[in-house]
Amino acid sequence: MVQDINELQVTLNATKDRDELRALEEDVAGKILWLFWCGICTEVDELLPTVVEFIRREANMKGLQEMCWLYHLPDPSDDQALLQRVMYDAGAKTSKHLLWLAARAAEQAKWSGTNRGTPTADNQRTSPTTSRQHPPNR
């Protein structure tokens, strides 16, 4: 994961296009957030039994009540929601940069494939047209 982040950072540093920069920034931030989130979850999983045992042993229900409040936090702000989405995308291995590259390639192919009834170089046939004239027989 760290190597992936470093590779994305190199690509990010060499990129000039603003939309591509944004996609790469989201990928880098998402991977970093996901890495930290996984670390936090691991720590919580390891410490939770110890904390529960302490609360039970000390009969300290106030600590348990405070932990319950964490699950009832208000809805995240727009910025927090964006960061959550970016992090979950990274966890799902969804790359904004790869999606952006695919969309750019599709857009370029759409415009480069427009030939309006002229013979194409690869097959010497005409593309569909709305003209009522028929092409000459070959």
N, C-alpha and C. Protein backbone atom coordinates (compact mmCIF):
# COMPACT_ATOMS: atom_id res chain seq x y z
N MET A 1 0.83 -1.20 0.00
CA MET A 1 0.00 0.00 0.00
C MET A 1 0.87 1.25 0.00
N VAL A 2 1.92 1.25 0.80
CA VAL A 2 2.80 2.43 0.85
C VAL A 2 3.48 2.63 -0.49
N GLN A 3 3.87 1.54 -1.13
CA GLN A 3 4.49 1.65 -2.45
C GLN A 3 3.50 2.21 -3.47
N ASP A 4 2.24 1.79 -3.38
CA ASP A 4 1.20 2.34 -4.26
C ASP A 4 1.07 3.85 -4.07
N ILE A 5 1.09 4.28 -2.82
CA ILE A 5 0.98 5.71 -2.52
C ILE A 5 2.17 6.46 -3.10
N ASN A 6 3.36 5.90 -2.95
CA ASN A 6 4.56 6.55 -3.50
C ASN A 6 4.49 6.65 -5.02
N GLU A 7 4.02 5.59 -5.68
CA GLU A 7 3.90 5.61 -7.14
C GLU A 7 2.87 6.65 -7.59
N LEU A 8 1.76 6.72 -6.89
CA LEU A 8 0.75 7.73 -7.21
C LEU A 8 1.30 9.14 -7.01
N GLN A 9 2.10 9.32 -5.97
CA GLN A 9 2.69 10.63 -5.68
C GLN A 9 3.63 11.06 -6.80
N VAL A 10 4.40 10.12 -7.34
CA VAL A 10 5.30 10.43 -8.46
C VAL A 10 4.48 10.87 -9.68
N THR A 11 3.41 10.12 -9.97
CA THR A 11 2.53 10.48 -11.09
C THR A 11 1.89 11.83 -10.85
N LEU A 12 1.46 12.06 -9.62
CA LEU A 12 0.84 13.33 -9.24
C LEU A 12 1.79 14.50 -9.48
N ASN A 13 3.02 14.34 -9.08
CA ASN A 13 4.01 15.41 -9.23
C ASN A 13 4.31 15.73 -10.69
N ALA A 14 4.11 14.76 -11.58
CA ALA A 14 4.41 14.96 -13.00
C ALA A 14 3.18 15.39 -13.81
N THR A 15 2.03 15.49 -13.17
CA THR A 15 0.78 15.77 -13.87
C THR A 15 0.50 17.27 -13.92
N LYS A 16 0.02 17.73 -15.08
CA LYS A 16 -0.31 19.14 -15.27
C LYS A 16 -1.82 19.38 -15.36
N ASP A 17 -2.56 18.40 -15.87
CA ASP A 17 -4.00 18.56 -16.06
C ASP A 17 -4.70 18.66 -14.71
N ARG A 18 -5.54 19.66 -14.53
CA ARG A 18 -6.19 19.91 -13.23
C ARG A 18 -7.16 18.80 -12.83
N ASP A 19 -7.92 18.29 -13.79
CA ASP A 19 -8.85 17.21 -13.47
C ASP A 19 -8.11 15.93 -13.09
N GLU A 20 -7.04 15.65 -13.82
CA GLU A 20 -6.24 14.47 -13.49
C GLU A 20 -5.58 14.64 -12.12
N LEU A 21 -5.12 15.86 -11.83
CA LEU A 21 -4.53 16.14 -10.51
C LEU A 21 -5.54 15.85 -9.40
N ARG A 22 -6.75 16.30 -9.59
CA ARG A 22 -7.80 16.09 -8.58
C ARG A 22 -8.04 14.61 -8.37
N ALA A 23 -8.11 13.84 -9.44
CA ALA A 23 -8.34 12.40 -9.33
C ALA A 23 -7.17 11.73 -8.59
N LEU A 24 -5.96 12.12 -8.94
CA LEU A 24 -4.79 11.55 -8.26
C LEU A 24 -4.73 11.95 -6.79
N GLU A 25 -5.07 13.19 -6.49
CA GLU A 25 -5.09 13.65 -5.10
C GLU A 25 -6.09 12.83 -4.29
N GLU A 26 -7.26 12.57 -4.87
CA GLU A 26 -8.25 11.76 -4.17
C GLU A 26 -7.75 10.34 -3.95
N ASP A 27 -7.07 9.77 -4.94
CA ASP A 27 -6.52 8.42 -4.77
C ASP A 27 -5.47 8.38 -3.67
N VAL A 28 -4.57 9.35 -3.66
CA VAL A 28 -3.51 9.39 -2.65
C VAL A 28 -4.12 9.58 -1.26
N ALA A 29 -5.01 10.56 -1.13
CA ALA A 29 -5.64 10.82 0.17
C ALA A 29 -6.45 9.60 0.62
N GLY A 30 -7.17 8.98 -0.29
CA GLY A 30 -7.98 7.82 0.06
C GLY A 30 -7.13 6.66 0.56
N LYS A 31 -6.02 6.40 -0.12
CA LYS A 31 -5.15 5.30 0.30
C LYS A 31 -4.53 5.59 1.67
N ILE A 32 -4.13 6.83 1.90
CA ILE A 32 -3.55 7.19 3.20
C ILE A 32 -4.61 7.04 4.29
N LEU A 33 -5.81 7.57 4.04
CA LEU A 33 -6.89 7.45 5.02
C LEU A 33 -7.24 5.99 5.28
N TRP A 34 -7.30 5.18 4.24
CA TRP A 34 -7.64 3.77 4.39
C TRP A 34 -6.57 3.04 5.21
N LEU A 35 -5.31 3.36 4.95
CA LEU A 35 -4.21 2.76 5.70
C LEU A 35 -4.33 3.08 7.19
N PHE A 36 -4.58 4.34 7.52
CA PHE A 36 -4.75 4.73 8.91
C PHE A 36 -6.00 4.09 9.51
N TRP A 37 -7.10 4.06 8.75
CA TRP A 37 -8.33 3.46 9.25
C TRP A 37 -8.13 1.99 9.60
N CYS A 38 -7.43 1.26 8.75
CA CYS A 38 -7.15 -0.15 9.02
C CYS A 38 -6.31 -0.30 10.29
N GLY A 39 -5.34 0.59 10.47
CA GLY A 39 -4.52 0.56 11.68
C GLY A 39 -5.34 0.85 12.93
N ILE A 40 -6.22 1.83 12.85
CA ILE A 40 -7.07 2.17 13.99
C ILE A 40 -7.99 1.00 14.32
N CYS A 41 -8.59 0.40 13.30
CA CYS A 41 -9.50 -0.73 13.54
C CYS A 41 -8.76 -1.90 14.19
N THR A 42 -7.53 -2.14 13.78
CA THR A 42 -6.73 -3.21 14.38
C THR A 42 -6.47 -2.92 15.85
N GLU A 43 -6.11 -1.68 16.15
CA GLU A 43 -5.87 -1.30 17.55
C GLU A 43 -7.13 -1.45 18.39
N VAL A 44 -8.26 -1.00 17.86
CA VAL A 44 -9.53 -1.11 18.60
C VAL A 44 -9.87 -2.57 18.83
N ASP A 45 -9.72 -3.41 17.79
CA ASP A 45 -10.02 -4.83 17.94
C ASP A 45 -9.16 -5.47 19.03
N GLU A 46 -7.90 -5.05 19.12
CA GLU A 46 -7.01 -5.63 20.11
C GLU A 46 -7.30 -5.10 21.52
N LEU A 47 -7.66 -3.82 21.63
CA LEU A 47 -7.86 -3.22 22.95
C LEU A 47 -9.27 -3.37 23.50
N LEU A 48 -10.24 -3.56 22.66
CA LEU A 48 -11.63 -3.59 23.11
C LEU A 48 -11.89 -4.63 24.20
N PRO A 49 -11.43 -5.86 24.08
CA PRO A 49 -11.67 -6.82 25.17
C PRO A 49 -11.08 -6.36 26.51
N THR A 50 -9.91 -5.74 26.46
CA THR A 50 -9.28 -5.24 27.68
C THR A 50 -10.11 -4.13 28.30
N VAL A 51 -10.61 -3.21 27.48
CA VAL A 51 -11.42 -2.10 27.97
C VAL A 51 -12.73 -2.62 28.56
N VAL A 52 -13.39 -3.55 27.87
CA VAL A 52 -14.64 -4.10 28.36
C VAL A 52 -14.42 -4.83 29.68
N GLU A 53 -13.36 -5.59 29.78
CA GLU A 53 -13.05 -6.29 31.02
C GLU A 53 -12.80 -5.31 32.16
N PHE A 54 -12.08 -4.23 31.90
CA PHE A 54 -11.83 -3.20 32.91
C PHE A 54 -13.13 -2.57 33.39
N ILE A 55 -14.00 -2.23 32.43
CA ILE A 55 -15.28 -1.60 32.78
C ILE A 55 -16.12 -2.57 33.63
N ARG A 56 -16.13 -3.82 33.21
CA ARG A 56 -16.91 -4.81 33.94
C ARG A 56 -16.35 -5.04 35.35
N ARG A 57 -15.03 -5.15 35.44
CA ARG A 57 -14.37 -5.41 36.72
C ARG A 57 -14.56 -4.24 37.68
N GLU A 58 -14.46 -3.02 37.17
CA GLU A 58 -14.59 -1.84 38.01
C GLU A 58 -16.04 -1.39 38.18
N ALA A 59 -16.94 -2.06 37.50
CA ALA A 59 -18.36 -1.69 37.52
C ALA A 59 -18.52 -0.22 37.16
N ASN A 60 -17.77 0.21 36.17
CA ASN A 60 -17.78 1.61 35.75
C ASN A 60 -18.66 1.74 34.50
N MET A 61 -19.94 1.86 34.71
CA MET A 61 -20.86 1.95 33.59
C MET A 61 -20.78 3.29 32.88
N LYS A 62 -20.21 4.27 33.54
CA LYS A 62 -20.07 5.58 32.89
C LYS A 62 -19.18 5.47 31.65
N GLY A 63 -18.14 4.69 31.74
CA GLY A 63 -17.24 4.48 30.59
C GLY A 63 -17.96 3.82 29.44
N LEU A 64 -18.82 2.86 29.75
CA LEU A 64 -19.60 2.20 28.72
C LEU A 64 -20.58 3.17 28.07
N GLN A 65 -21.18 4.03 28.88
CA GLN A 65 -22.11 5.02 28.35
C GLN A 65 -21.39 5.99 27.41
N GLU A 66 -20.18 6.39 27.77
CA GLU A 66 -19.41 7.29 26.90
C GLU A 66 -19.08 6.62 25.57
N MET A 67 -18.80 5.33 25.60
CA MET A 67 -18.52 4.62 24.36
C MET A 67 -19.76 4.56 23.48
N CYS A 68 -20.93 4.42 24.09
CA CYS A 68 -22.18 4.39 23.33
C CYS A 68 -22.44 5.72 22.63
N TRP A 69 -22.06 6.81 23.26
CA TRP A 69 -22.27 8.13 22.66
C TRP A 69 -21.51 8.26 21.34
N LEU A 70 -20.41 7.56 21.21
CA LEU A 70 -19.62 7.63 19.97
C LEU A 70 -20.42 7.14 18.77
N TYR A 71 -21.33 6.22 18.97
CA TYR A 71 -22.13 5.68 17.88
C TYR A 71 -23.30 6.59 17.50
N HIS A 72 -23.54 7.60 18.30
CA HIS A 72 -24.67 8.50 18.05
C HIS A 72 -24.19 9.90 17.70
N LEU A 73 -23.09 9.98 17.00
CA LEU A 73 -22.59 11.27 16.58
C LEU A 73 -23.47 11.82 15.46
N PRO A 74 -23.51 13.14 15.31
CA PRO A 74 -24.33 13.72 14.23
C PRO A 74 -23.76 13.33 12.86
N ASP A 75 -24.59 13.57 11.83
CA ASP A 75 -24.16 13.28 10.46
C ASP A 75 -22.89 14.07 10.15
N PRO A 76 -22.01 13.49 9.37
CA PRO A 76 -20.76 14.20 9.03
C PRO A 76 -21.03 15.41 8.14
N SER A 77 -20.14 16.38 8.23
CA SER A 77 -20.24 17.55 7.35
C SER A 77 -19.92 17.11 5.92
N ASP A 78 -20.09 18.02 4.97
CA ASP A 78 -19.80 17.70 3.57
C ASP A 78 -18.34 17.29 3.39
N ASP A 79 -17.44 18.00 4.07
CA ASP A 79 -16.01 17.68 3.96
C ASP A 79 -15.73 16.29 4.53
N GLN A 80 -16.32 15.98 5.67
CA GLN A 80 -16.12 14.67 6.27
C GLN A 80 -16.72 13.57 5.39
N ALA A 81 -17.88 13.84 4.82
CA ALA A 81 -18.52 12.86 3.95
C ALA A 81 -17.65 12.61 2.70
N LEU A 82 -17.07 13.66 2.16
CA LEU A 82 -16.18 13.50 1.01
C LEU A 82 -14.98 12.64 1.38
N LEU A 83 -14.36 12.93 2.52
CA LEU A 83 -13.20 12.15 2.95
C LEU A 83 -13.59 10.69 3.22
N GLN A 84 -14.76 10.47 3.77
CA GLN A 84 -15.23 9.09 3.97
C GLN A 84 -15.39 8.38 2.64
N ARG A 85 -16.01 9.05 1.68
CA ARG A 85 -16.21 8.44 0.37
C ARG A 85 -14.87 8.11 -0.28
N VAL A 86 -13.93 9.05 -0.20
CA VAL A 86 -12.60 8.85 -0.78
C VAL A 86 -11.92 7.65 -0.11
N MET A 87 -12.05 7.57 1.21
CA MET A 87 -11.43 6.47 1.95
C MET A 87 -12.08 5.13 1.58
N TYR A 88 -13.41 5.10 1.52
CA TYR A 88 -14.10 3.85 1.19
C TYR A 88 -13.83 3.44 -0.27
N ASP A 89 -13.68 4.40 -1.16
CA ASP A 89 -13.29 4.08 -2.54
C ASP A 89 -11.93 3.39 -2.56
N ALA A 90 -11.00 3.90 -1.77
CA ALA A 90 -9.67 3.28 -1.71
C ALA A 90 -9.77 1.87 -1.13
N GLY A 91 -10.62 1.70 -0.12
CA GLY A 91 -10.81 0.38 0.47
C GLY A 91 -11.42 -0.61 -0.51
N ALA A 92 -12.25 -0.11 -1.40
CA ALA A 92 -12.89 -0.94 -2.42
C ALA A 92 -12.00 -1.08 -3.66
N LYS A 93 -10.82 -0.49 -3.59
CA LYS A 93 -9.86 -0.50 -4.71
C LYS A 93 -10.42 0.17 -5.96
N THR A 94 -11.20 1.23 -5.74
CA THR A 94 -11.73 2.04 -6.84
C THR A 94 -10.80 3.23 -7.02
N SER A 95 -10.18 3.35 -8.17
CA SER A 95 -9.24 4.43 -8.43
C SER A 95 -9.91 5.52 -9.25
N LYS A 96 -9.99 6.70 -8.67
CA LYS A 96 -10.54 7.85 -9.40
C LYS A 96 -9.68 8.14 -10.62
N HIS A 97 -8.38 7.97 -10.48
CA HIS A 97 -7.47 8.27 -11.59
C HIS A 97 -7.73 7.31 -12.76
N LEU A 98 -7.87 6.02 -12.46
CA LEU A 98 -8.14 5.07 -13.54
C LEU A 98 -9.51 5.33 -14.18
N LEU A 99 -10.50 5.69 -13.37
CA LEU A 99 -11.81 6.05 -13.92
C LEU A 99 -11.70 7.28 -14.80
N TRP A 100 -10.91 8.26 -14.37
CA TRP A 100 -10.72 9.48 -15.15
C TRP A 100 -10.02 9.16 -16.47
N LEU A 101 -8.98 8.32 -16.42
CA LEU A 101 -8.27 7.94 -17.66
C LEU A 101 -9.21 7.22 -18.62
N ALA A 102 -10.05 6.32 -18.10
CA ALA A 102 -10.99 5.60 -18.96
C ALA A 102 -12.01 6.56 -19.58
N ALA A 103 -12.49 7.51 -18.79
CA ALA A 103 -13.45 8.48 -19.32
C ALA A 103 -12.80 9.36 -20.38
N ARG A 104 -11.57 9.75 -20.15
CA ARG A 104 -10.86 10.57 -21.14
C ARG A 104 -10.64 9.79 -22.44
N ALA A 105 -10.25 8.53 -22.32
CA ALA A 105 -10.05 7.70 -23.51
C ALA A 105 -11.36 7.51 -24.27
N ALA A 106 -12.45 7.30 -23.54
CA ALA A 106 -13.75 7.14 -24.20
C ALA A 106 -14.16 8.42 -24.91
N GLU A 107 -13.91 9.55 -24.30
CA GLU A 107 -14.23 10.84 -24.92
C GLU A 107 -13.40 11.07 -26.17
N GLN A 108 -12.11 10.75 -26.08
CA GLN A 108 -11.24 10.90 -27.25
C GLN A 108 -11.67 9.96 -28.38
N ALA A 109 -12.03 8.74 -28.02
CA ALA A 109 -12.46 7.78 -29.04
C ALA A 109 -13.77 8.23 -29.67
N LYS A 110 -14.63 8.81 -28.88
CA LYS A 110 -15.91 9.29 -29.42
C LYS A 110 -15.67 10.37 -30.47
N TRP A 111 -14.79 11.29 -30.19
CA TRP A 111 -14.56 12.39 -31.13
C TRP A 111 -13.65 12.00 -32.28
N SER A 112 -12.72 11.10 -32.05
CA SER A 112 -11.84 10.70 -33.16
C SER A 112 -12.55 9.75 -34.11
N GLY A 113 -13.63 9.08 -33.67
CA GLY A 113 -14.36 8.16 -34.52
C GLY A 113 -15.42 8.82 -35.37
N THR A 114 -15.58 10.11 -35.27
CA THR A 114 -16.59 10.82 -36.06
C THR A 114 -16.04 11.09 -37.44
N ASN A 115 -16.69 10.51 -38.49
CA ASN A 115 -16.17 10.75 -39.84
C ASN A 115 -17.26 11.12 -40.83
N ARG A 116 -18.51 11.19 -40.42
CA ARG A 116 -19.62 11.73 -41.20
C ARG A 116 -19.73 11.20 -42.63
N GLY A 117 -19.76 9.90 -42.81
CA GLY A 117 -20.04 9.33 -44.13
C GLY A 117 -18.85 9.28 -45.06
N THR A 118 -17.68 9.58 -44.60
CA THR A 118 -16.50 9.49 -45.46
C THR A 118 -15.89 8.11 -45.30
N PRO A 119 -15.22 7.63 -46.33
CA PRO A 119 -14.61 6.30 -46.22
C PRO A 119 -13.61 6.27 -45.06
N THR A 120 -13.64 5.18 -44.32
CA THR A 120 -12.69 5.03 -43.23
C THR A 120 -11.42 4.38 -43.76
N ALA A 121 -10.31 4.69 -43.15
CA ALA A 121 -9.01 4.24 -43.64
C ALA A 121 -8.83 2.73 -43.49
N ASP A 122 -9.41 2.15 -42.45
CA ASP A 122 -9.13 0.75 -42.19
C ASP A 122 -9.99 -0.22 -43.02
N ASN A 123 -11.16 0.21 -43.49
CA ASN A 123 -12.00 -0.75 -44.19
C ASN A 123 -12.55 -0.22 -45.52
N GLN A 124 -12.27 1.00 -45.87
CA GLN A 124 -12.70 1.61 -47.13
C GLN A 124 -14.21 1.51 -47.33
N ARG A 125 -14.97 1.47 -46.23
CA ARG A 125 -16.42 1.53 -46.30
C ARG A 125 -16.86 2.86 -45.72
N THR A 126 -18.07 3.22 -45.98
CA THR A 126 -18.55 4.47 -45.42
C THR A 126 -19.27 4.21 -44.11
N SER A 127 -19.25 5.20 -43.29
CA SER A 127 -19.96 5.10 -42.02
C SER A 127 -21.41 5.51 -42.26
N PRO A 128 -22.29 5.23 -41.32
CA PRO A 128 -23.71 5.57 -41.50
C PRO A 128 -23.89 7.07 -41.76
N THR A 129 -24.88 7.37 -42.59
CA THR A 129 -25.14 8.76 -42.93
C THR A 129 -26.64 8.96 -43.08
N THR A 130 -27.07 10.19 -43.02
CA THR A 130 -28.50 10.50 -43.22
C THR A 130 -28.79 10.91 -44.65
N SER A 131 -27.80 10.92 -45.51
CA SER A 131 -27.97 11.31 -46.90
C SER A 131 -28.80 10.27 -47.65
N ARG A 132 -29.63 10.75 -48.61
CA ARG A 132 -30.43 9.82 -49.42
C ARG A 132 -29.62 9.29 -50.60
N GLN A 133 -28.47 9.84 -50.85
CA GLN A 133 -27.65 9.35 -51.96
C GLN A 133 -26.94 8.08 -51.51
N HIS A 134 -26.82 7.16 -52.41
CA HIS A 134 -26.16 5.90 -52.11
C HIS A 134 -24.71 6.01 -52.56
N PRO A 135 -23.80 5.41 -51.82
CA PRO A 135 -22.41 5.44 -52.24
C PRO A 135 -22.21 4.59 -53.51
N PRO A 136 -21.23 4.93 -54.30
CA PRO A 136 -20.98 4.14 -55.52
C PRO A 136 -20.57 2.73 -55.16
N ASN A 137 -20.96 1.75 -56.01
CA ASN A 137 -20.56 0.37 -55.79
C ASN A 137 -19.08 0.20 -56.11
N ARG A 138 -18.43 -0.62 -55.36
CA ARG A 138 -16.99 -0.83 -55.56
C ARG A 138 -16.72 -2.22 -55.99
